[in-house]
Amino acid sequence: MIRQPRKRTILWILLGAALLWPLLSWGLVHAIWSSDLEACRAARGTGACWGVIVEKHRLLLFGRYPFEEQWRPLLATLLIIAVLGAACWRQLWQLRFAALAGLILLLAVALMRGDIGGLSPVPTKLWGGLPLTLLVSLGGTLLAFPLAVLLALGRRSSLPLLRSLCVTYIELIRGVPLISLLFMAAFLFPLLLPTAWRLDILPRVIVSIAAFAAAYLAEVIRGGLQAIPAGQLLAARALGMRTWQALLWIVLPQALRKALPALVNSFVGIFKDSSLISIVSLHELTGALSLALGGDADWRSFYLEGYLFIAFIYWAFCFALSRVGKRLETAR
């Protein structure tokens, strides 16, 4: 006789299989995997056309970057992923590794930009796809995190002016959408600055994302700081440490560890928010999809498969980030 819990489990499995079978049938069993346009049209409604990914994968991954030079964004992407993967090991968290990682990231940017070592220059308006998404999200995160720490500490400061400035910044930035900051960075700020001071659009966009993310990260870090008993700081001061030393070596490490789940959640949000830069004509992953299919009447009807491919890439990176966060939570 089958036990009641086991019987329920079998029923749930059968129900899930019945609900998922149409999706599996469309996405795997009857799918077209080659870039055969006629076969894709014949299978419409019964099977997915993954051939559109085969046909347009270079546009999807690298955007309008010159075709013959696309080995450069590919190598830059591999370098960035290698640095991110190595950074997951706490044993490597040393000053030498930070310096090496910074040099590797600069090398990735130099590969994309060119104009050195015999490489032809490629303007940032031609960058796109996955490397642009990684550069924008990583650059925004690296700039936002230290600013967020300073804002969180400033909001808890005993100095009224400093505390008021930090509160004003946080509440002002949190009260406006990211799109408005991107529009100001792309179109308004260049009009207000002298020609000699105008930065390229990509740095302006990265700074805007960093300024926006810092306001949210600051509140997350402030929550971690409030979870640390005040006696920790007092004990450190009693041992002869200065206030900044106690904050840097005693309070902040504990606060960041307590706030780690929320911090990882914010980092995932920054990575996904990078998709908004397509509104200022920077073709990251989602923008590259519109670029790849929007002007091709033959493959334009297979947007769904393209969006599913882009969604899988976002999911893979976000899932990897969540696993890293989980590992750091349990690390000793």
C-alpha atoms as a PDB file:
ATOM      1  CA  MET A   1       0.000   0.000   0.000  1.00  0.00           C
ATOM      2  CA  ILE A   2       1.395   3.395  -1.061  1.00  0.00           C
ATOM      3  CA  ARG A   3       1.779   5.835   1.806  1.00  0.00           C
ATOM      4  CA  GLN A   4      -0.236   9.037   1.591  1.00  0.00           C
ATOM      5  CA  PRO A   5       2.764  11.477   1.330  1.00  0.00           C
ATOM      6  CA  ARG A   6       4.356   9.359  -1.428  1.00  0.00           C
ATOM      7  CA  LYS A   7       1.041   9.181  -3.254  1.00  0.00           C
ATOM      8  CA  ARG A   8       0.742  12.968  -3.150  1.00  0.00           C
ATOM      9  CA  THR A   9       4.293  13.332  -4.443  1.00  0.00           C
ATOM     10  CA  ILE A  10       3.545  11.078  -7.413  1.00  0.00           C
ATOM     11  CA  LEU A  11       0.385  13.042  -8.174  1.00  0.00           C
ATOM     12  CA  TRP A  12       2.292  16.343  -8.102  1.00  0.00           C
ATOM     13  CA  ILE A  13       4.960  14.896 -10.415  1.00  0.00           C
ATOM     14  CA  LEU A  14       2.325  13.724 -12.875  1.00  0.00           C
ATOM     15  CA  LEU A  15       0.540  17.072 -12.728  1.00  0.00           C
ATOM     16  CA  GLY A  16       3.810  18.960 -13.276  1.00  0.00           C
ATOM     17  CA  ALA A  17       4.707  16.711 -16.209  1.00  0.00           C
ATOM     18  CA  ALA A  18       1.282  17.261 -17.757  1.00  0.00           C
ATOM     19  CA  LEU A  19       1.630  21.032 -17.427  1.00  0.00           C
ATOM     20  CA  LEU A  20       5.235  21.162 -18.650  1.00  0.00           C
ATOM     21  CA  TRP A  21       4.914  18.714 -21.533  1.00  0.00           C
ATOM     22  CA  PRO A  22       3.520  21.290 -24.030  1.00  0.00           C
ATOM     23  CA  LEU A  23       6.477  23.574 -23.214  1.00  0.00           C
ATOM     24  CA  LEU A  24       9.004  20.735 -23.550  1.00  0.00           C
ATOM     25  CA  SER A  25       7.384  19.585 -26.764  1.00  0.00           C
ATOM     26  CA  TRP A  26       7.592  23.104 -28.212  1.00  0.00           C
ATOM     27  CA  GLY A  27      11.048  23.962 -26.901  1.00  0.00           C
ATOM     28  CA  LEU A  28      12.885  20.643 -27.331  1.00  0.00           C
ATOM     29  CA  VAL A  29      11.070  17.806 -29.070  1.00  0.00           C
ATOM     30  CA  HIS A  30       9.749  19.654 -32.145  1.00  0.00           C
ATOM     31  CA  ALA A  31      12.264  22.510 -32.101  1.00  0.00           C
ATOM     32  CA  ILE A  32      14.393  23.502 -35.094  1.00  0.00           C
ATOM     33  CA  TRP A  33      18.070  23.790 -34.188  1.00  0.00           C
ATOM     34  CA  SER A  34      19.568  24.748 -37.544  1.00  0.00           C
ATOM     35  CA  SER A  35      19.379  28.144 -39.240  1.00  0.00           C
ATOM     36  CA  ASP A  36      16.875  26.861 -41.812  1.00  0.00           C
ATOM     37  CA  LEU A  37      14.337  29.620 -42.361  1.00  0.00           C
ATOM     38  CA  GLU A  38      11.869  27.442 -44.294  1.00  0.00           C
ATOM     39  CA  ALA A  39      11.933  24.736 -41.620  1.00  0.00           C
ATOM     40  CA  CYS A  40      11.380  27.355 -38.920  1.00  0.00           C
ATOM     41  CA  ARG A  41       8.384  28.749 -40.772  1.00  0.00           C
ATOM     42  CA  ALA A  42       6.945  25.256 -41.240  1.00  0.00           C
ATOM     43  CA  ALA A  43       7.348  24.478 -37.522  1.00  0.00           C
ATOM     44  CA  ARG A  44       5.744  27.724 -36.345  1.00  0.00           C
ATOM     45  CA  GLY A  45       3.180  26.997 -33.647  1.00  0.00           C
ATOM     46  CA  THR A  46       4.455  23.470 -32.982  1.00  0.00           C
ATOM     47  CA  GLY A  47       8.172  23.917 -32.365  1.00  0.00           C
ATOM     48  CA  ALA A  48      10.627  26.610 -31.368  1.00  0.00           C
ATOM     49  CA  CYS A  49      13.049  28.032 -33.909  1.00  0.00           C
ATOM     50  CA  TRP A  50      16.388  28.049 -32.114  1.00  0.00           C
ATOM     51  CA  GLY A  51      17.949  28.445 -35.528  1.00  0.00           C
ATOM     52  CA  VAL A  52      17.433  32.193 -35.137  1.00  0.00           C
ATOM     53  CA  ILE A  53      20.045  32.095 -32.353  1.00  0.00           C
ATOM     54  CA  VAL A  54      22.441  30.202 -34.619  1.00  0.00           C
ATOM     55  CA  GLU A  55      21.845  32.719 -37.396  1.00  0.00           C
ATOM     56  CA  LYS A  56      22.055  35.879 -35.252  1.00  0.00           C
ATOM     57  CA  HIS A  57      24.278  34.870 -32.347  1.00  0.00           C
ATOM     58  CA  ARG A  58      27.099  37.262 -33.195  1.00  0.00           C
ATOM     59  CA  LEU A  59      24.761  40.246 -33.368  1.00  0.00           C
ATOM     60  CA  LEU A  60      23.051  39.128 -30.158  1.00  0.00           C
ATOM     61  CA  LEU A  61      26.297  38.715 -28.229  1.00  0.00           C
ATOM     62  CA  PHE A  62      28.372  41.583 -29.651  1.00  0.00           C
ATOM     63  CA  GLY A  63      25.914  44.062 -31.166  1.00  0.00           C
ATOM     64  CA  ARG A  64      27.276  46.362 -33.857  1.00  0.00           C
ATOM     65  CA  TYR A  65      30.919  45.725 -33.014  1.00  0.00           C
ATOM     66  CA  PRO A  66      32.857  45.311 -36.297  1.00  0.00           C
ATOM     67  CA  PHE A  67      32.439  41.739 -37.499  1.00  0.00           C
ATOM     68  CA  GLU A  68      36.100  41.044 -38.240  1.00  0.00           C
ATOM     69  CA  GLU A  69      37.138  42.398 -34.804  1.00  0.00           C
ATOM     70  CA  GLN A  70      34.649  40.460 -32.675  1.00  0.00           C
ATOM     71  CA  TRP A  71      37.418  38.315 -31.229  1.00  0.00           C
ATOM     72  CA  ARG A  72      38.206  41.333 -29.085  1.00  0.00           C
ATOM     73  CA  PRO A  73      34.857  41.548 -27.212  1.00  0.00           C
ATOM     74  CA  LEU A  74      34.891  37.754 -26.933  1.00  0.00           C
ATOM     75  CA  LEU A  75      38.301  37.830 -25.245  1.00  0.00           C
ATOM     76  CA  ALA A  76      37.222  40.795 -23.088  1.00  0.00           C
ATOM     77  CA  THR A  77      34.140  38.874 -21.952  1.00  0.00           C
ATOM     78  CA  LEU A  78      36.230  35.824 -21.037  1.00  0.00           C
ATOM     79  CA  LEU A  79      38.640  38.017 -19.056  1.00  0.00           C
ATOM     80  CA  ILE A  80      35.792  39.642 -17.109  1.00  0.00           C
ATOM     81  CA  ILE A  81      34.173  36.281 -16.343  1.00  0.00           C
ATOM     82  CA  ALA A  82      37.554  34.892 -15.232  1.00  0.00           C
ATOM     83  CA  VAL A  83      38.061  37.811 -12.822  1.00  0.00           C
ATOM     84  CA  LEU A  84      34.547  37.433 -11.421  1.00  0.00           C
ATOM     85  CA  GLY A  85      35.028  33.700 -10.998  1.00  0.00           C
ATOM     86  CA  ALA A  86      38.367  34.119  -9.219  1.00  0.00           C
ATOM     87  CA  ALA A  87      36.880  36.781  -6.929  1.00  0.00           C
ATOM     88  CA  CYS A  88      34.525  34.147  -5.512  1.00  0.00           C
ATOM     89  CA  TRP A  89      37.413  32.536  -3.617  1.00  0.00           C
ATOM     90  CA  ARG A  90      37.985  34.300  -0.314  1.00  0.00           C
ATOM     91  CA  GLN A  91      41.571  33.018  -0.206  1.00  0.00           C
ATOM     92  CA  LEU A  92      42.348  35.413  -3.079  1.00  0.00           C
ATOM     93  CA  TRP A  93      40.981  38.492  -1.327  1.00  0.00           C
ATOM     94  CA  GLN A  94      44.312  40.252  -1.063  1.00  0.00           C
ATOM     95  CA  LEU A  95      45.699  43.535  -2.272  1.00  0.00           C
ATOM     96  CA  ARG A  96      47.801  41.830  -4.960  1.00  0.00           C
ATOM     97  CA  PHE A  97      44.751  40.088  -6.399  1.00  0.00           C
ATOM     98  CA  ALA A  98      42.779  43.352  -6.384  1.00  0.00           C
ATOM     99  CA  ALA A  99      45.585  45.049  -8.318  1.00  0.00           C
ATOM    100  CA  LEU A 100      45.810  42.160 -10.791  1.00  0.00           C
ATOM    101  CA  ALA A 101      42.030  42.101 -11.248  1.00  0.00           C
ATOM    102  CA  GLY A 102      42.036  45.847 -11.903  1.00  0.00           C
ATOM    103  CA  LEU A 103      44.733  45.444 -14.547  1.00  0.00           C
ATOM    104  CA  ILE A 104      42.802  42.622 -16.228  1.00  0.00           C
ATOM    105  CA  LEU A 105      39.623  44.713 -16.318  1.00  0.00           C
ATOM    106  CA  LEU A 106      41.563  47.626 -17.800  1.00  0.00           C
ATOM    107  CA  LEU A 107      42.948  45.222 -20.404  1.00  0.00           C
ATOM    108  CA  ALA A 108      39.393  44.130 -21.256  1.00  0.00           C
ATOM    109  CA  VAL A 109      38.360  47.761 -21.765  1.00  0.00           C
ATOM    110  CA  ALA A 110      41.495  48.412 -23.833  1.00  0.00           C
ATOM    111  CA  LEU A 111      40.665  45.434 -26.054  1.00  0.00           C
ATOM    112  CA  MET A 112      37.174  46.786 -26.626  1.00  0.00           C
ATOM    113  CA  ARG A 113      38.325  50.334 -27.255  1.00  0.00           C
ATOM    114  CA  GLY A 114      41.424  49.615 -29.332  1.00  0.00           C
ATOM    115  CA  ASP A 115      43.775  52.314 -30.602  1.00  0.00           C
ATOM    116  CA  ILE A 116      46.683  50.619 -28.783  1.00  0.00           C
ATOM    117  CA  GLY A 117      49.009  47.816 -29.774  1.00  0.00           C
ATOM    118  CA  GLY A 118      48.022  48.083 -33.417  1.00  0.00           C
ATOM    119  CA  LEU A 119      44.301  47.540 -32.680  1.00  0.00           C
ATOM    120  CA  SER A 120      41.892  49.676 -34.674  1.00  0.00           C
ATOM    121  CA  PRO A 121      39.812  52.077 -32.520  1.00  0.00           C
ATOM    122  CA  VAL A 122      36.148  51.198 -31.987  1.00  0.00           C
ATOM    123  CA  PRO A 123      33.895  53.929 -30.510  1.00  0.00           C
ATOM    124  CA  THR A 124      31.670  52.985 -27.589  1.00  0.00           C
ATOM    125  CA  LYS A 125      28.525  53.611 -29.665  1.00  0.00           C
ATOM    126  CA  LEU A 126      29.422  50.396 -31.535  1.00  0.00           C
ATOM    127  CA  TRP A 127      29.890  48.321 -28.368  1.00  0.00           C
ATOM    128  CA  GLY A 128      27.043  46.016 -27.521  1.00  0.00           C
ATOM    129  CA  GLY A 129      25.720  42.684 -26.352  1.00  0.00           C
ATOM    130  CA  LEU A 130      27.104  40.687 -23.447  1.00  0.00           C
ATOM    131  CA  PRO A 131      30.454  42.496 -22.943  1.00  0.00           C
ATOM    132  CA  LEU A 132      28.671  45.852 -22.715  1.00  0.00           C
ATOM    133  CA  THR A 133      26.193  44.438 -20.191  1.00  0.00           C
ATOM    134  CA  LEU A 134      29.037  43.085 -18.063  1.00  0.00           C
ATOM    135  CA  LEU A 135      31.078  46.285 -18.244  1.00  0.00           C
ATOM    136  CA  VAL A 136      28.139  48.527 -17.337  1.00  0.00           C
ATOM    137  CA  SER A 137      26.897  46.363 -14.458  1.00  0.00           C
ATOM    138  CA  LEU A 138      30.389  45.669 -13.095  1.00  0.00           C
ATOM    139  CA  GLY A 139      31.508  49.285 -13.436  1.00  0.00           C
ATOM    140  CA  GLY A 140      28.320  50.522 -11.793  1.00  0.00           C
ATOM    141  CA  THR A 141      28.723  48.081  -8.905  1.00  0.00           C
ATOM    142  CA  LEU A 142      32.392  48.881  -8.278  1.00  0.00           C
ATOM    143  CA  LEU A 143      31.655  52.602  -8.182  1.00  0.00           C
ATOM    144  CA  ALA A 144      28.418  52.311  -6.201  1.00  0.00           C
ATOM    145  CA  PHE A 145      29.664  50.110  -3.346  1.00  0.00           C
ATOM    146  CA  PRO A 146      32.275  52.440  -1.758  1.00  0.00           C
ATOM    147  CA  LEU A 147      29.922  55.403  -2.216  1.00  0.00           C
ATOM    148  CA  ALA A 148      27.164  53.405  -0.517  1.00  0.00           C
ATOM    149  CA  VAL A 149      29.437  52.616   2.454  1.00  0.00           C
ATOM    150  CA  LEU A 150      30.246  56.302   2.890  1.00  0.00           C
ATOM    151  CA  LEU A 151      26.568  57.256   2.623  1.00  0.00           C
ATOM    152  CA  ALA A 152      25.547  54.641   5.182  1.00  0.00           C
ATOM    153  CA  LEU A 153      28.210  55.798   7.628  1.00  0.00           C
ATOM    154  CA  GLY A 154      27.350  59.433   6.951  1.00  0.00           C
ATOM    155  CA  ARG A 155      23.662  58.830   7.634  1.00  0.00           C
ATOM    156  CA  ARG A 156      24.589  57.431  11.056  1.00  0.00           C
ATOM    157  CA  SER A 157      27.047  60.247  11.757  1.00  0.00           C
ATOM    158  CA  SER A 158      26.656  62.517  14.790  1.00  0.00           C
ATOM    159  CA  LEU A 159      27.417  65.552  12.606  1.00  0.00           C
ATOM    160  CA  PRO A 160      24.043  67.102  11.649  1.00  0.00           C
ATOM    161  CA  LEU A 161      25.225  68.653   8.370  1.00  0.00           C
ATOM    162  CA  LEU A 162      26.878  65.461   7.109  1.00  0.00           C
ATOM    163  CA  ARG A 163      23.884  63.379   8.155  1.00  0.00           C
ATOM    164  CA  SER A 164      21.470  65.771   6.424  1.00  0.00           C
ATOM    165  CA  LEU A 165      23.473  65.734   3.196  1.00  0.00           C
ATOM    166  CA  CYS A 166      23.536  61.931   3.110  1.00  0.00           C
ATOM    167  CA  VAL A 167      19.819  61.660   3.880  1.00  0.00           C
ATOM    168  CA  THR A 168      19.000  64.220   1.189  1.00  0.00           C
ATOM    169  CA  TYR A 169      21.037  62.384  -1.411  1.00  0.00           C
ATOM    170  CA  ILE A 170      19.545  58.988  -0.589  1.00  0.00           C
ATOM    171  CA  GLU A 171      15.949  60.176  -0.504  1.00  0.00           C
ATOM    172  CA  LEU A 172      16.346  62.314  -3.630  1.00  0.00           C
ATOM    173  CA  ILE A 173      17.902  59.543  -5.731  1.00  0.00           C
ATOM    174  CA  ARG A 174      15.475  56.892  -4.483  1.00  0.00           C
ATOM    175  CA  GLY A 175      12.590  59.155  -5.424  1.00  0.00           C
ATOM    176  CA  VAL A 176      13.356  59.272  -9.158  1.00  0.00           C
ATOM    177  CA  PRO A 177      13.417  56.427 -11.714  1.00  0.00           C
ATOM    178  CA  LEU A 178      16.695  55.251 -13.196  1.00  0.00           C
ATOM    179  CA  ILE A 179      15.479  56.131 -16.683  1.00  0.00           C
ATOM    180  CA  SER A 180      15.381  59.822 -15.784  1.00  0.00           C
ATOM    181  CA  LEU A 181      19.016  59.702 -14.584  1.00  0.00           C
ATOM    182  CA  LEU A 182      20.077  57.947 -17.784  1.00  0.00           C
ATOM    183  CA  PHE A 183      18.333  60.573 -19.912  1.00  0.00           C
ATOM    184  CA  MET A 184      20.003  63.384 -17.981  1.00  0.00           C
ATOM    185  CA  ALA A 185      23.407  61.717 -18.294  1.00  0.00           C
ATOM    186  CA  ALA A 186      22.973  61.125 -22.023  1.00  0.00           C
ATOM    187  CA  PHE A 187      21.298  64.341 -23.155  1.00  0.00           C
ATOM    188  CA  LEU A 188      21.142  67.028 -20.445  1.00  0.00           C
ATOM    189  CA  PHE A 189      24.596  67.054 -18.825  1.00  0.00           C
ATOM    190  CA  PRO A 190      26.461  67.425 -22.154  1.00  0.00           C
ATOM    191  CA  LEU A 191      24.483  70.627 -22.785  1.00  0.00           C
ATOM    192  CA  LEU A 192      25.457  72.071 -19.406  1.00  0.00           C
ATOM    193  CA  LEU A 193      29.181  71.322 -19.600  1.00  0.00           C
ATOM    194  CA  PRO A 194      31.871  72.891 -21.789  1.00  0.00           C
ATOM    195  CA  THR A 195      32.872  70.845 -24.815  1.00  0.00           C
ATOM    196  CA  ALA A 196      36.301  70.071 -23.360  1.00  0.00           C
ATOM    197  CA  TRP A 197      34.721  68.553 -20.233  1.00  0.00           C
ATOM    198  CA  ARG A 198      32.221  66.278 -21.958  1.00  0.00           C
ATOM    199  CA  LEU A 199      32.815  62.612 -21.293  1.00  0.00           C
ATOM    200  CA  ASP A 200      31.902  59.767 -23.594  1.00  0.00           C
ATOM    201  CA  ILE A 201      28.348  58.500 -23.156  1.00  0.00           C
ATOM    202  CA  LEU A 202      29.417  55.135 -21.675  1.00  0.00           C
ATOM    203  CA  PRO A 203      31.217  56.590 -18.603  1.00  0.00           C
ATOM    204  CA  ARG A 204      28.286  58.953 -18.059  1.00  0.00           C
ATOM    205  CA  VAL A 205      25.849  56.042 -18.093  1.00  0.00           C
ATOM    206  CA  ILE A 206      27.997  53.966 -15.718  1.00  0.00           C
ATOM    207  CA  VAL A 207      28.266  56.883 -13.272  1.00  0.00           C
ATOM    208  CA  SER A 208      24.482  57.374 -13.416  1.00  0.00           C
ATOM    209  CA  ILE A 209      23.837  53.716 -12.628  1.00  0.00           C
ATOM    210  CA  ALA A 210      26.392  53.852  -9.805  1.00  0.00           C
ATOM    211  CA  ALA A 211      24.814  56.985  -8.315  1.00  0.00           C
ATOM    212  CA  PHE A 212      21.378  55.355  -8.464  1.00  0.00           C
ATOM    213  CA  ALA A 213      22.490  52.012  -7.024  1.00  0.00           C
ATOM    214  CA  ALA A 214      24.496  53.632  -4.224  1.00  0.00           C
ATOM    215  CA  ALA A 215      21.351  55.086  -2.665  1.00  0.00           C
ATOM    216  CA  TYR A 216      19.764  51.628  -2.360  1.00  0.00           C
ATOM    217  CA  LEU A 217      22.959  49.886  -1.283  1.00  0.00           C
ATOM    218  CA  ALA A 218      23.482  52.540   1.406  1.00  0.00           C
ATOM    219  CA  GLU A 219      20.205  51.621   3.081  1.00  0.00           C
ATOM    220  CA  VAL A 220      21.073  47.931   2.926  1.00  0.00           C
ATOM    221  CA  ILE A 221      24.454  48.583   4.551  1.00  0.00           C
ATOM    222  CA  ARG A 222      22.857  50.883   7.127  1.00  0.00           C
ATOM    223  CA  GLY A 223      20.565  48.010   8.103  1.00  0.00           C
ATOM    224  CA  GLY A 224      23.613  45.812   8.639  1.00  0.00           C
ATOM    225  CA  LEU A 225      25.286  48.520  10.729  1.00  0.00           C
ATOM    226  CA  GLN A 226      22.235  48.860  12.942  1.00  0.00           C
ATOM    227  CA  ALA A 227      22.347  45.107  13.594  1.00  0.00           C
ATOM    228  CA  ILE A 228      25.785  45.424  15.213  1.00  0.00           C
ATOM    229  CA  PRO A 229      25.628  46.112  18.982  1.00  0.00           C
ATOM    230  CA  ALA A 230      27.028  49.495  20.006  1.00  0.00           C
ATOM    231  CA  GLY A 231      29.287  47.692  22.467  1.00  0.00           C
ATOM    232  CA  GLN A 232      31.447  46.466  19.566  1.00  0.00           C
ATOM    233  CA  LEU A 233      32.534  50.007  18.755  1.00  0.00           C
ATOM    234  CA  LEU A 234      32.944  50.947  22.410  1.00  0.00           C
ATOM    235  CA  ALA A 235      35.090  47.878  23.070  1.00  0.00           C
ATOM    236  CA  ALA A 236      37.315  48.680  20.112  1.00  0.00           C
ATOM    237  CA  ARG A 237      37.732  52.256  21.313  1.00  0.00           C
ATOM    238  CA  ALA A 238      38.566  50.977  24.794  1.00  0.00           C
ATOM    239  CA  LEU A 239      41.369  48.898  23.267  1.00  0.00           C
ATOM    240  CA  GLY A 240      42.912  52.065  21.855  1.00  0.00           C
ATOM    241  CA  MET A 241      41.612  51.909  18.274  1.00  0.00           C
ATOM    242  CA  ARG A 242      40.547  55.089  16.542  1.00  0.00           C
ATOM    243  CA  THR A 243      36.954  55.405  15.396  1.00  0.00           C
ATOM    244  CA  TRP A 244      37.771  54.896  11.716  1.00  0.00           C
ATOM    245  CA  GLN A 245      39.893  51.865  12.564  1.00  0.00           C
ATOM    246  CA  ALA A 246      37.101  50.327  14.624  1.00  0.00           C
ATOM    247  CA  LEU A 247      34.588  50.947  11.833  1.00  0.00           C
ATOM    248  CA  LEU A 248      36.894  49.577   9.145  1.00  0.00           C
ATOM    249  CA  TRP A 249      38.190  46.468  10.908  1.00  0.00           C
ATOM    250  CA  ILE A 250      35.501  45.603  13.477  1.00  0.00           C
ATOM    251  CA  VAL A 251      32.070  46.994  12.632  1.00  0.00           C
ATOM    252  CA  LEU A 252      31.932  47.040   8.816  1.00  0.00           C
ATOM    253  CA  PRO A 253      32.998  43.390   8.223  1.00  0.00           C
ATOM    254  CA  GLN A 254      30.264  42.181  10.594  1.00  0.00           C
ATOM    255  CA  ALA A 255      27.677  44.553   9.132  1.00  0.00           C
ATOM    256  CA  LEU A 256      28.430  43.524   5.545  1.00  0.00           C
ATOM    257  CA  ARG A 257      28.198  39.855   6.479  1.00  0.00           C
ATOM    258  CA  LYS A 258      24.783  40.375   8.065  1.00  0.00           C
ATOM    259  CA  ALA A 259      23.600  42.396   5.058  1.00  0.00           C
ATOM    260  CA  LEU A 260      25.045  39.961   2.489  1.00  0.00           C
ATOM    261  CA  PRO A 261      21.706  38.451   1.301  1.00  0.00           C
ATOM    262  CA  ALA A 262      20.255  41.912   0.688  1.00  0.00           C
ATOM    263  CA  LEU A 263      23.502  43.075  -0.942  1.00  0.00           C
ATOM    264  CA  VAL A 264      23.469  40.151  -3.376  1.00  0.00           C
ATOM    265  CA  ASN A 265      19.859  40.957  -4.172  1.00  0.00           C
ATOM    266  CA  SER A 266      20.872  44.548  -4.944  1.00  0.00           C
ATOM    267  CA  PHE A 267      23.766  43.384  -7.142  1.00  0.00           C
ATOM    268  CA  VAL A 268      21.352  41.194  -9.102  1.00  0.00           C
ATOM    269  CA  GLY A 269      19.121  44.243  -9.540  1.00  0.00           C
ATOM    270  CA  ILE A 270      22.036  46.311 -10.857  1.00  0.00           C
ATOM    271  CA  PHE A 271      22.877  43.602 -13.376  1.00  0.00           C
ATOM    272  CA  LYS A 272      19.310  43.511 -14.672  1.00  0.00           C
ATOM    273  CA  ASP A 273      18.917  47.304 -14.614  1.00  0.00           C
ATOM    274  CA  SER A 274      21.759  47.518 -17.127  1.00  0.00           C
ATOM    275  CA  SER A 275      19.167  46.563 -19.759  1.00  0.00           C
ATOM    276  CA  LEU A 276      17.712  50.084 -19.472  1.00  0.00           C
ATOM    277  CA  ILE A 277      20.699  51.642 -21.223  1.00  0.00           C
ATOM    278  CA  SER A 278      19.172  50.633 -24.552  1.00  0.00           C
ATOM    279  CA  ILE A 279      16.960  53.732 -24.290  1.00  0.00           C
ATOM    280  CA  VAL A 280      20.068  55.908 -24.757  1.00  0.00           C
ATOM    281  CA  SER A 281      21.173  53.982 -27.869  1.00  0.00           C
ATOM    282  CA  LEU A 282      23.621  51.633 -26.176  1.00  0.00           C
ATOM    283  CA  HIS A 283      22.768  48.166 -27.439  1.00  0.00           C
ATOM    284  CA  GLU A 284      23.410  45.760 -24.568  1.00  0.00           C
ATOM    285  CA  LEU A 285      21.832  42.290 -24.635  1.00  0.00           C
ATOM    286  CA  THR A 286      18.189  43.309 -25.019  1.00  0.00           C
ATOM    287  CA  GLY A 287      19.077  46.199 -27.298  1.00  0.00           C
ATOM    288  CA  ALA A 288      21.215  43.873 -29.437  1.00  0.00           C
ATOM    289  CA  LEU A 289      18.195  41.602 -29.868  1.00  0.00           C
ATOM    290  CA  SER A 290      16.153  44.440 -31.342  1.00  0.00           C
ATOM    291  CA  LEU A 291      19.128  45.340 -33.495  1.00  0.00           C
ATOM    292  CA  ALA A 292      19.504  41.759 -34.746  1.00  0.00           C
ATOM    293  CA  LEU A 293      15.868  41.068 -35.572  1.00  0.00           C
ATOM    294  CA  GLY A 294      14.270  44.478 -36.037  1.00  0.00           C
ATOM    295  CA  GLY A 295      15.808  45.087 -39.453  1.00  0.00           C
ATOM    296  CA  ASP A 296      15.495  41.544 -40.798  1.00  0.00           C
ATOM    297  CA  ALA A 297      12.047  40.794 -42.199  1.00  0.00           C
ATOM    298  CA  ASP A 298      12.854  37.084 -42.595  1.00  0.00           C
ATOM    299  CA  TRP A 299      13.710  36.397 -38.931  1.00  0.00           C
ATOM    300  CA  ARG A 300      11.692  39.178 -37.297  1.00  0.00           C
ATOM    301  CA  SER A 301       8.820  36.882 -36.337  1.00  0.00           C
ATOM    302  CA  PHE A 302      11.023  34.797 -34.027  1.00  0.00           C
ATOM    303  CA  TYR A 303      11.398  37.380 -31.268  1.00  0.00           C
ATOM    304  CA  LEU A 304      10.123  34.955 -28.609  1.00  0.00           C
ATOM    305  CA  GLU A 305      13.051  32.581 -29.062  1.00  0.00           C
ATOM    306  CA  GLY A 306      15.429  35.550 -28.994  1.00  0.00           C
ATOM    307  CA  TYR A 307      13.984  36.871 -25.743  1.00  0.00           C
ATOM    308  CA  LEU A 308      14.131  33.400 -24.191  1.00  0.00           C
ATOM    309  CA  PHE A 309      17.812  33.168 -25.126  1.00  0.00           C
ATOM    310  CA  ILE A 310      18.526  36.573 -23.576  1.00  0.00           C
ATOM    311  CA  ALA A 311      16.490  35.630 -20.492  1.00  0.00           C
ATOM    312  CA  PHE A 312      18.562  32.454 -20.100  1.00  0.00           C
ATOM    313  CA  ILE A 313      21.802  34.478 -20.148  1.00  0.00           C
ATOM    314  CA  TYR A 314      20.453  36.862 -17.488  1.00  0.00           C
ATOM    315  CA  TRP A 315      19.224  33.943 -15.404  1.00  0.00           C
ATOM    316  CA  ALA A 316      22.569  32.125 -15.632  1.00  0.00           C
ATOM    317  CA  PHE A 317      24.528  35.125 -14.368  1.00  0.00           C
ATOM    318  CA  CYS A 318      21.998  35.984 -11.644  1.00  0.00           C
ATOM    319  CA  PHE A 319      21.831  32.374 -10.472  1.00  0.00           C
ATOM    320  CA  ALA A 320      25.638  32.183 -10.346  1.00  0.00           C
ATOM    321  CA  LEU A 321      25.699  35.413  -8.324  1.00  0.00           C
ATOM    322  CA  SER A 322      23.134  34.058  -5.860  1.00  0.00           C
ATOM    323  CA  ARG A 323      25.153  30.833  -5.434  1.00  0.00           C
ATOM    324  CA  VAL A 324      28.292  32.845  -4.747  1.00  0.00           C
ATOM    325  CA  GLY A 325      26.411  34.897  -2.157  1.00  0.00           C
ATOM    326  CA  LYS A 326      25.141  31.713  -0.512  1.00  0.00           C
ATOM    327  CA  ARG A 327      28.660  30.331  -0.392  1.00  0.00           C
ATOM    328  CA  LEU A 328      30.015  33.512   1.197  1.00  0.00           C
ATOM    329  CA  GLU A 329      27.235  33.446   3.800  1.00  0.00           C
ATOM    330  CA  THR A 330      28.368  30.036   5.047  1.00  0.00           C
ATOM    331  CA  ALA A 331      32.113  30.647   4.669  1.00  0.00           C
ATOM    332  CA  ARG A 332      34.189  30.917   7.830  1.00  0.00           C
END
